[in-house]
Amino acid sequence: MRGSYKKRAPSPVYSSPNQLSFEGFETPFEQQLDLNNRWVFLARNIPWDRIVGVYDKVFSSAEGRKPLSGRLVLGSLMIK
């Protein structure tokens, strides 16, 4: 019997919230977001590019599994 292993899911990739977007091409989820919601407001006002840049410098390594997206990790800590 050959050794079997589970294939891991790919790590989430960070995409900048400052990336250009086209009007009318939002996902259905984005179209239904309430811009007055406190979490949406917070997410739009945090300087994610600067924070993730620092996070990536601290947690960069050529060994082992790639680290999770800085926005995912730090956002989870803020929610907690």
PDB file of N, CA and C in Angstrom:
ATOM      1  N   MET A   1       0.840  -1.177   0.000  1.00  0.00           N
ATOM      2  CA  MET A   1       0.000   0.000   0.000  1.00  0.00           C
ATOM      3  C   MET A   1       0.885   1.240   0.000  1.00  0.00           C
ATOM      4  N   ARG A   2       0.684   2.085  -0.947  1.00  0.00           N
ATOM      5  CA  ARG A   2       1.479   3.308  -1.040  1.00  0.00           C
ATOM      6  C   ARG A   2       1.013   4.308   0.000  1.00  0.00           C
ATOM      7  N   GLY A   3       1.965   5.075   0.483  1.00  0.00           N
ATOM      8  CA  GLY A   3       1.633   6.110   1.459  1.00  0.00           C
ATOM      9  C   GLY A   3       0.799   7.209   0.794  1.00  0.00           C
ATOM     10  N   SER A   4      -0.294   7.497   1.388  1.00  0.00           N
ATOM     11  CA  SER A   4      -1.125   8.560   0.834  1.00  0.00           C
ATOM     12  C   SER A   4      -1.042   9.783   1.742  1.00  0.00           C
ATOM     13  N   TYR A   5      -1.207  10.918   1.142  1.00  0.00           N
ATOM     14  CA  TYR A   5      -1.186  12.139   1.928  1.00  0.00           C
ATOM     15  C   TYR A   5      -2.291  13.048   1.422  1.00  0.00           C
ATOM     16  N   LYS A   6      -2.711  13.911   2.295  1.00  0.00           N
ATOM     17  CA  LYS A   6      -3.755  14.852   1.921  1.00  0.00           C
ATOM     18  C   LYS A   6      -3.115  16.086   1.319  1.00  0.00           C
ATOM     19  N   LYS A   7      -3.692  16.546   0.255  1.00  0.00           N
ATOM     20  CA  LYS A   7      -3.199  17.753  -0.375  1.00  0.00           C
ATOM     21  C   LYS A   7      -3.777  18.948   0.380  1.00  0.00           C
ATOM     22  N   ARG A   8      -2.907  19.848   0.805  1.00  0.00           N
ATOM     23  CA  ARG A   8      -3.355  21.018   1.547  1.00  0.00           C
ATOM     24  C   ARG A   8      -3.981  22.041   0.617  1.00  0.00           C
ATOM     25  N   ALA A   9      -4.922  22.752   1.161  1.00  0.00           N
ATOM     26  CA  ALA A   9      -5.545  23.829   0.406  1.00  0.00           C
ATOM     27  C   ALA A   9      -4.529  24.961   0.236  1.00  0.00           C
ATOM     28  N   PRO A  10      -4.615  25.700  -0.851  1.00  0.00           N
ATOM     29  CA  PRO A  10      -3.665  26.800  -1.031  1.00  0.00           C
ATOM     30  C   PRO A  10      -3.889  27.890   0.007  1.00  0.00           C
ATOM     31  N   SER A  11      -2.804  28.536   0.407  1.00  0.00           N
ATOM     32  CA  SER A  11      -2.896  29.635   1.369  1.00  0.00           C
ATOM     33  C   SER A  11      -3.578  30.825   0.718  1.00  0.00           C
ATOM     34  N   PRO A  12      -4.376  31.546   1.487  1.00  0.00           N
ATOM     35  CA  PRO A  12      -4.998  32.753   0.927  1.00  0.00           C
ATOM     36  C   PRO A  12      -3.929  33.757   0.523  1.00  0.00           C
ATOM     37  N   VAL A  13      -4.133  34.392  -0.595  1.00  0.00           N
ATOM     38  CA  VAL A  13      -3.183  35.370  -1.107  1.00  0.00           C
ATOM     39  C   VAL A  13      -3.718  36.760  -0.822  1.00  0.00           C
ATOM     40  N   TYR A  14      -2.853  37.638  -0.357  1.00  0.00           N
ATOM     41  CA  TYR A  14      -3.259  39.009  -0.047  1.00  0.00           C
ATOM     42  C   TYR A  14      -3.464  39.792  -1.331  1.00  0.00           C
ATOM     43  N   SER A  15      -4.583  40.465  -1.421  1.00  0.00           N
ATOM     44  CA  SER A  15      -4.808  41.401  -2.522  1.00  0.00           C
ATOM     45  C   SER A  15      -5.174  42.748  -1.901  1.00  0.00           C
ATOM     46  N   SER A  16      -4.523  43.767  -2.367  1.00  0.00           N
ATOM     47  CA  SER A  16      -4.666  45.100  -1.794  1.00  0.00           C
ATOM     48  C   SER A  16      -6.083  45.633  -1.950  1.00  0.00           C
ATOM     49  N   PRO A  17      -6.629  46.237  -0.894  1.00  0.00           N
ATOM     50  CA  PRO A  17      -7.941  46.859  -1.033  1.00  0.00           C
ATOM     51  C   PRO A  17      -7.880  48.117  -1.896  1.00  0.00           C
ATOM     52  N   ASN A  18      -6.663  48.603  -2.178  1.00  0.00           N
ATOM     53  CA  ASN A  18      -6.494  49.781  -3.032  1.00  0.00           C
ATOM     54  C   ASN A  18      -6.411  49.426  -4.512  1.00  0.00           C
ATOM     55  N   GLN A  19      -6.548  48.145  -4.825  1.00  0.00           N
ATOM     56  CA  GLN A  19      -6.508  47.710  -6.214  1.00  0.00           C
ATOM     57  C   GLN A  19      -7.689  48.313  -6.967  1.00  0.00           C
ATOM     58  N   LEU A  20      -7.445  48.723  -8.195  1.00  0.00           N
ATOM     59  CA  LEU A  20      -8.505  49.332  -8.987  1.00  0.00           C
ATOM     60  C   LEU A  20      -9.641  48.345  -9.217  1.00  0.00           C
ATOM     61  N   SER A  21     -10.843  48.851  -9.226  1.00  0.00           N
ATOM     62  CA  SER A  21     -12.004  48.015  -9.511  1.00  0.00           C
ATOM     63  C   SER A  21     -12.919  48.774 -10.460  1.00  0.00           C
ATOM     64  N   PHE A  22     -13.739  48.049 -11.160  1.00  0.00           N
ATOM     65  CA  PHE A  22     -14.660  48.630 -12.123  1.00  0.00           C
ATOM     66  C   PHE A  22     -16.060  48.698 -11.530  1.00  0.00           C
ATOM     67  N   GLU A  23     -16.710  49.805 -11.744  1.00  0.00           N
ATOM     68  CA  GLU A  23     -18.084  49.984 -11.288  1.00  0.00           C
ATOM     69  C   GLU A  23     -18.975  48.954 -11.977  1.00  0.00           C
ATOM     70  N   GLY A  24     -19.789  48.248 -11.211  1.00  0.00           N
ATOM     71  CA  GLY A  24     -20.714  47.264 -11.769  1.00  0.00           C
ATOM     72  C   GLY A  24     -20.154  45.860 -11.856  1.00  0.00           C
ATOM     73  N   PHE A  25     -18.865  45.665 -11.497  1.00  0.00           N
ATOM     74  CA  PHE A  25     -18.271  44.338 -11.560  1.00  0.00           C
ATOM     75  C   PHE A  25     -18.011  43.757 -10.173  1.00  0.00           C
ATOM     76  N   GLU A  26     -18.725  44.249  -9.177  1.00  0.00           N
ATOM     77  CA  GLU A  26     -18.562  43.733  -7.821  1.00  0.00           C
ATOM     78  C   GLU A  26     -19.236  42.363  -7.714  1.00  0.00           C
ATOM     79  N   THR A  27     -18.761  41.576  -6.766  1.00  0.00           N
ATOM     80  CA  THR A  27     -19.407  40.297  -6.516  1.00  0.00           C
ATOM     81  C   THR A  27     -20.750  40.548  -5.845  1.00  0.00           C
ATOM     82  N   PRO A  28     -21.669  39.603  -5.899  1.00  0.00           N
ATOM     83  CA  PRO A  28     -22.954  39.788  -5.212  1.00  0.00           C
ATOM     84  C   PRO A  28     -22.771  40.077  -3.720  1.00  0.00           C
ATOM     85  N   PHE A  29     -21.749  39.487  -3.117  1.00  0.00           N
ATOM     86  CA  PHE A  29     -21.480  39.739  -1.702  1.00  0.00           C
ATOM     87  C   PHE A  29     -21.112  41.206  -1.487  1.00  0.00           C
ATOM     88  N   GLU A  30     -20.236  41.744  -2.333  1.00  0.00           N
ATOM     89  CA  GLU A  30     -19.817  43.148  -2.196  1.00  0.00           C
ATOM     90  C   GLU A  30     -20.969  44.111  -2.441  1.00  0.00           C
ATOM     91  N   GLN A  31     -21.888  43.749  -3.308  1.00  0.00           N
ATOM     92  CA  GLN A  31     -23.013  44.619  -3.622  1.00  0.00           C
ATOM     93  C   GLN A  31     -23.970  44.748  -2.437  1.00  0.00           C
ATOM     94  N   GLN A  32     -24.009  43.747  -1.571  1.00  0.00           N
ATOM     95  CA  GLN A  32     -24.958  43.745  -0.466  1.00  0.00           C
ATOM     96  C   GLN A  32     -24.362  44.282   0.836  1.00  0.00           C
ATOM     97  N   LEU A  33     -23.074  44.665   0.829  1.00  0.00           N
ATOM     98  CA  LEU A  33     -22.463  45.176   2.051  1.00  0.00           C
ATOM     99  C   LEU A  33     -23.038  46.542   2.405  1.00  0.00           C
ATOM    100  N   ASP A  34     -23.327  46.712   3.676  1.00  0.00           N
ATOM    101  CA  ASP A  34     -23.804  47.995   4.175  1.00  0.00           C
ATOM    102  C   ASP A  34     -22.582  48.829   4.549  1.00  0.00           C
ATOM    103  N   LEU A  35     -22.343  49.927   3.850  1.00  0.00           N
ATOM    104  CA  LEU A  35     -21.158  50.736   4.089  1.00  0.00           C
ATOM    105  C   LEU A  35     -21.169  51.405   5.460  1.00  0.00           C
ATOM    106  N   ASN A  36     -22.323  51.433   6.127  1.00  0.00           N
ATOM    107  CA  ASN A  36     -22.402  52.006   7.471  1.00  0.00           C
ATOM    108  C   ASN A  36     -22.142  50.978   8.567  1.00  0.00           C
ATOM    109  N   ASN A  37     -21.961  49.731   8.197  1.00  0.00           N
ATOM    110  CA  ASN A  37     -21.656  48.689   9.166  1.00  0.00           C
ATOM    111  C   ASN A  37     -20.298  48.965   9.797  1.00  0.00           C
ATOM    112  N   ARG A  38     -20.181  48.770  11.113  1.00  0.00           N
ATOM    113  CA  ARG A  38     -18.936  49.119  11.805  1.00  0.00           C
ATOM    114  C   ARG A  38     -17.745  48.289  11.327  1.00  0.00           C
ATOM    115  N   TRP A  39     -17.963  47.026  10.951  1.00  0.00           N
ATOM    116  CA  TRP A  39     -16.860  46.178  10.500  1.00  0.00           C
ATOM    117  C   TRP A  39     -16.406  46.574   9.100  1.00  0.00           C
ATOM    118  N   VAL A  40     -17.348  46.915   8.245  1.00  0.00           N
ATOM    119  CA  VAL A  40     -17.006  47.361   6.891  1.00  0.00           C
ATOM    120  C   VAL A  40     -16.256  48.683   6.988  1.00  0.00           C
ATOM    121  N   PHE A  41     -16.732  49.588   7.845  1.00  0.00           N
ATOM    122  CA  PHE A  41     -16.076  50.876   8.051  1.00  0.00           C
ATOM    123  C   PHE A  41     -14.646  50.678   8.546  1.00  0.00           C
ATOM    124  N   LEU A  42     -14.472  49.803   9.532  1.00  0.00           N
ATOM    125  CA  LEU A  42     -13.149  49.535  10.093  1.00  0.00           C
ATOM    126  C   LEU A  42     -12.213  48.957   9.031  1.00  0.00           C
ATOM    127  N   ALA A  43     -12.682  47.982   8.269  1.00  0.00           N
ATOM    128  CA  ALA A  43     -11.856  47.346   7.246  1.00  0.00           C
ATOM    129  C   ALA A  43     -11.415  48.336   6.173  1.00  0.00           C
ATOM    130  N   ARG A  44     -12.258  49.303   5.858  1.00  0.00           N
ATOM    131  CA  ARG A  44     -11.919  50.282   4.827  1.00  0.00           C
ATOM    132  C   ARG A  44     -10.953  51.348   5.338  1.00  0.00           C
ATOM    133  N   ASN A  45     -10.855  51.537   6.655  1.00  0.00           N
ATOM    134  CA  ASN A  45     -10.029  52.599   7.209  1.00  0.00           C
ATOM    135  C   ASN A  45      -8.704  52.130   7.802  1.00  0.00           C
ATOM    136  N   ILE A  46      -8.441  50.847   7.775  1.00  0.00           N
ATOM    137  CA  ILE A  46      -7.167  50.325   8.271  1.00  0.00           C
ATOM    138  C   ILE A  46      -6.172  50.336   7.111  1.00  0.00           C
ATOM    139  N   PRO A  47      -4.934  50.812   7.341  1.00  0.00           N
ATOM    140  CA  PRO A  47      -3.929  50.833   6.257  1.00  0.00           C
ATOM    141  C   PRO A  47      -3.336  49.433   6.033  1.00  0.00           C
ATOM    142  N   TRP A  48      -4.094  48.566   5.393  1.00  0.00           N
ATOM    143  CA  TRP A  48      -3.713  47.160   5.237  1.00  0.00           C
ATOM    144  C   TRP A  48      -2.392  46.984   4.499  1.00  0.00           C
ATOM    145  N   ASP A  49      -2.133  47.801   3.479  1.00  0.00           N
ATOM    146  CA  ASP A  49      -0.898  47.637   2.705  1.00  0.00           C
ATOM    147  C   ASP A  49       0.342  47.819   3.585  1.00  0.00           C
ATOM    148  N   ARG A  50       0.331  48.827   4.436  1.00  0.00           N
ATOM    149  CA  ARG A  50       1.475  49.058   5.329  1.00  0.00           C
ATOM    150  C   ARG A  50       1.603  47.943   6.357  1.00  0.00           C
ATOM    151  N   ILE A  51       0.492  47.542   6.951  1.00  0.00           N
ATOM    152  CA  ILE A  51       0.511  46.513   7.996  1.00  0.00           C
ATOM    153  C   ILE A  51       0.977  45.176   7.426  1.00  0.00           C
ATOM    154  N   VAL A  52       0.439  44.796   6.288  1.00  0.00           N
ATOM    155  CA  VAL A  52       0.800  43.511   5.681  1.00  0.00           C
ATOM    156  C   VAL A  52       2.249  43.531   5.211  1.00  0.00           C
ATOM    157  N   GLY A  53       2.747  44.693   4.767  1.00  0.00           N
ATOM    158  CA  GLY A  53       4.150  44.802   4.386  1.00  0.00           C
ATOM    159  C   GLY A  53       5.086  44.484   5.540  1.00  0.00           C
ATOM    160  N   VAL A  54       4.774  45.008   6.713  1.00  0.00           N
ATOM    161  CA  VAL A  54       5.581  44.734   7.908  1.00  0.00           C
ATOM    162  C   VAL A  54       5.430  43.263   8.313  1.00  0.00           C
ATOM    163  N   TYR A  55       4.206  42.760   8.285  1.00  0.00           N
ATOM    164  CA  TYR A  55       3.938  41.368   8.658  1.00  0.00           C
ATOM    165  C   TYR A  55       4.724  40.412   7.755  1.00  0.00           C
ATOM    166  N   ASP A  56       4.730  40.689   6.447  1.00  0.00           N
ATOM    167  CA  ASP A  56       5.431  39.810   5.505  1.00  0.00           C
ATOM    168  C   ASP A  56       6.939  39.810   5.735  1.00  0.00           C
ATOM    169  N   LYS A  57       7.502  40.951   6.143  1.00  0.00           N
ATOM    170  CA  LYS A  57       8.943  40.999   6.428  1.00  0.00           C
ATOM    171  C   LYS A  57       9.283  40.168   7.656  1.00  0.00           C
ATOM    172  N   VAL A  58       8.434  40.217   8.665  1.00  0.00           N
ATOM    173  CA  VAL A  58       8.695  39.500   9.911  1.00  0.00           C
ATOM    174  C   VAL A  58       8.508  37.995   9.729  1.00  0.00           C
ATOM    175  N   PHE A  59       7.496  37.599   8.981  1.00  0.00           N
ATOM    176  CA  PHE A  59       7.176  36.182   8.841  1.00  0.00           C
ATOM    177  C   PHE A  59       7.526  35.633   7.459  1.00  0.00           C
ATOM    178  N   SER A  60       8.682  36.002   6.944  1.00  0.00           N
ATOM    179  CA  SER A  60       9.113  35.435   5.671  1.00  0.00           C
ATOM    180  C   SER A  60      10.167  34.365   5.952  1.00  0.00           C
ATOM    181  N   SER A  61      10.047  33.245   5.280  1.00  0.00           N
ATOM    182  CA  SER A  61      10.985  32.153   5.471  1.00  0.00           C
ATOM    183  C   SER A  61      10.973  31.271   4.230  1.00  0.00           C
ATOM    184  N   ALA A  62      12.130  30.724   3.909  1.00  0.00           N
ATOM    185  CA  ALA A  62      12.211  29.814   2.773  1.00  0.00           C
ATOM    186  C   ALA A  62      11.897  28.383   3.207  1.00  0.00           C
ATOM    187  N   GLU A  63      11.767  28.175   4.501  1.00  0.00           N
ATOM    188  CA  GLU A  63      11.520  26.834   5.019  1.00  0.00           C
ATOM    189  C   GLU A  63      10.072  26.702   5.479  1.00  0.00           C
ATOM    190  N   GLY A  64       9.555  25.524   5.344  1.00  0.00           N
ATOM    191  CA  GLY A  64       8.214  25.244   5.840  1.00  0.00           C
ATOM    192  C   GLY A  64       7.109  25.819   4.973  1.00  0.00           C
ATOM    193  N   ARG A  65       5.941  25.788   5.517  1.00  0.00           N
ATOM    194  CA  ARG A  65       4.759  26.263   4.806  1.00  0.00           C
ATOM    195  C   ARG A  65       4.758  27.787   4.739  1.00  0.00           C
ATOM    196  N   LYS A  66       4.218  28.328   3.672  1.00  0.00           N
ATOM    197  CA  LYS A  66       4.120  29.774   3.544  1.00  0.00           C
ATOM    198  C   LYS A  66       3.168  30.302   4.617  1.00  0.00           C
ATOM    199  N   PRO A  67       3.449  31.495   5.135  1.00  0.00           N
ATOM    200  CA  PRO A  67       2.559  32.047   6.169  1.00  0.00           C
ATOM    201  C   PRO A  67       1.216  32.461   5.581  1.00  0.00           C
ATOM    202  N   LEU A  68       0.222  32.521   6.429  1.00  0.00           N
ATOM    203  CA  LEU A  68      -1.092  32.990   6.005  1.00  0.00           C
ATOM    204  C   LEU A  68      -1.024  34.477   5.684  1.00  0.00           C
ATOM    205  N   SER A  69      -1.998  34.945   4.975  1.00  0.00           N
ATOM    206  CA  SER A  69      -2.072  36.355   4.628  1.00  0.00           C
ATOM    207  C   SER A  69      -2.112  37.194   5.906  1.00  0.00           C
ATOM    208  N   GLY A  70      -1.337  38.272   5.922  1.00  0.00           N
ATOM    209  CA  GLY A  70      -1.308  39.153   7.086  1.00  0.00           C
ATOM    210  C   GLY A  70      -2.671  39.743   7.391  1.00  0.00           C
ATOM    211  N   ARG A  71      -3.436  40.059   6.367  1.00  0.00           N
ATOM    212  CA  ARG A  71      -4.766  40.629   6.585  1.00  0.00           C
ATOM    213  C   ARG A  71      -5.676  39.601   7.258  1.00  0.00           C
ATOM    214  N   LEU A  72      -5.559  38.349   6.867  1.00  0.00           N
ATOM    215  CA  LEU A  72      -6.372  37.296   7.469  1.00  0.00           C
ATOM    216  C   LEU A  72      -6.015  37.131   8.948  1.00  0.00           C
ATOM    217  N   VAL A  73      -4.724  37.071   9.253  1.00  0.00           N
ATOM    218  CA  VAL A  73      -4.289  36.856  10.636  1.00  0.00           C
ATOM    219  C   VAL A  73      -4.648  38.044  11.515  1.00  0.00           C
ATOM    220  N   LEU A  74      -4.284  39.243  11.081  1.00  0.00           N
ATOM    221  CA  LEU A  74      -4.524  40.425  11.903  1.00  0.00           C
ATOM    222  C   LEU A  74      -6.001  40.749  12.010  1.00  0.00           C
ATOM    223  N   GLY A  75      -6.755  40.548  10.938  1.00  0.00           N
ATOM    224  CA  GLY A  75      -8.192  40.751  10.995  1.00  0.00           C
ATOM    225  C   GLY A  75      -8.865  39.792  11.966  1.00  0.00           C
ATOM    226  N   SER A  76      -8.393  38.555  11.989  1.00  0.00           N
ATOM    227  CA  SER A  76      -8.945  37.564  12.932  1.00  0.00           C
ATOM    228  C   SER A  76      -8.666  37.966  14.378  1.00  0.00           C
ATOM    229  N   LEU A  77      -7.468  38.489  14.619  1.00  0.00           N
ATOM    230  CA  LEU A  77      -7.136  38.939  15.974  1.00  0.00           C
ATOM    231  C   LEU A  77      -7.999  40.137  16.385  1.00  0.00           C
ATOM    232  N   MET A  78      -8.284  41.037  15.461  1.00  0.00           N
ATOM    233  CA  MET A  78      -9.126  42.190  15.779  1.00  0.00           C
ATOM    234  C   MET A  78     -10.549  41.759  16.111  1.00  0.00           C
ATOM    235  N   ILE A  79     -11.052  40.788  15.386  1.00  0.00           N
ATOM    236  CA  ILE A  79     -12.407  40.297  15.633  1.00  0.00           C
ATOM    237  C   ILE A  79     -12.484  39.594  16.981  1.00  0.00           C
ATOM    238  N   LYS A  80     -11.429  38.856  17.289  1.00  0.00           N
ATOM    239  CA  LYS A  80     -11.394  38.122  18.554  1.00  0.00           C
ATOM    240  C   LYS A  80     -11.454  39.077  19.707  1.00  0.00           C
TER     241      LYS A  80
END
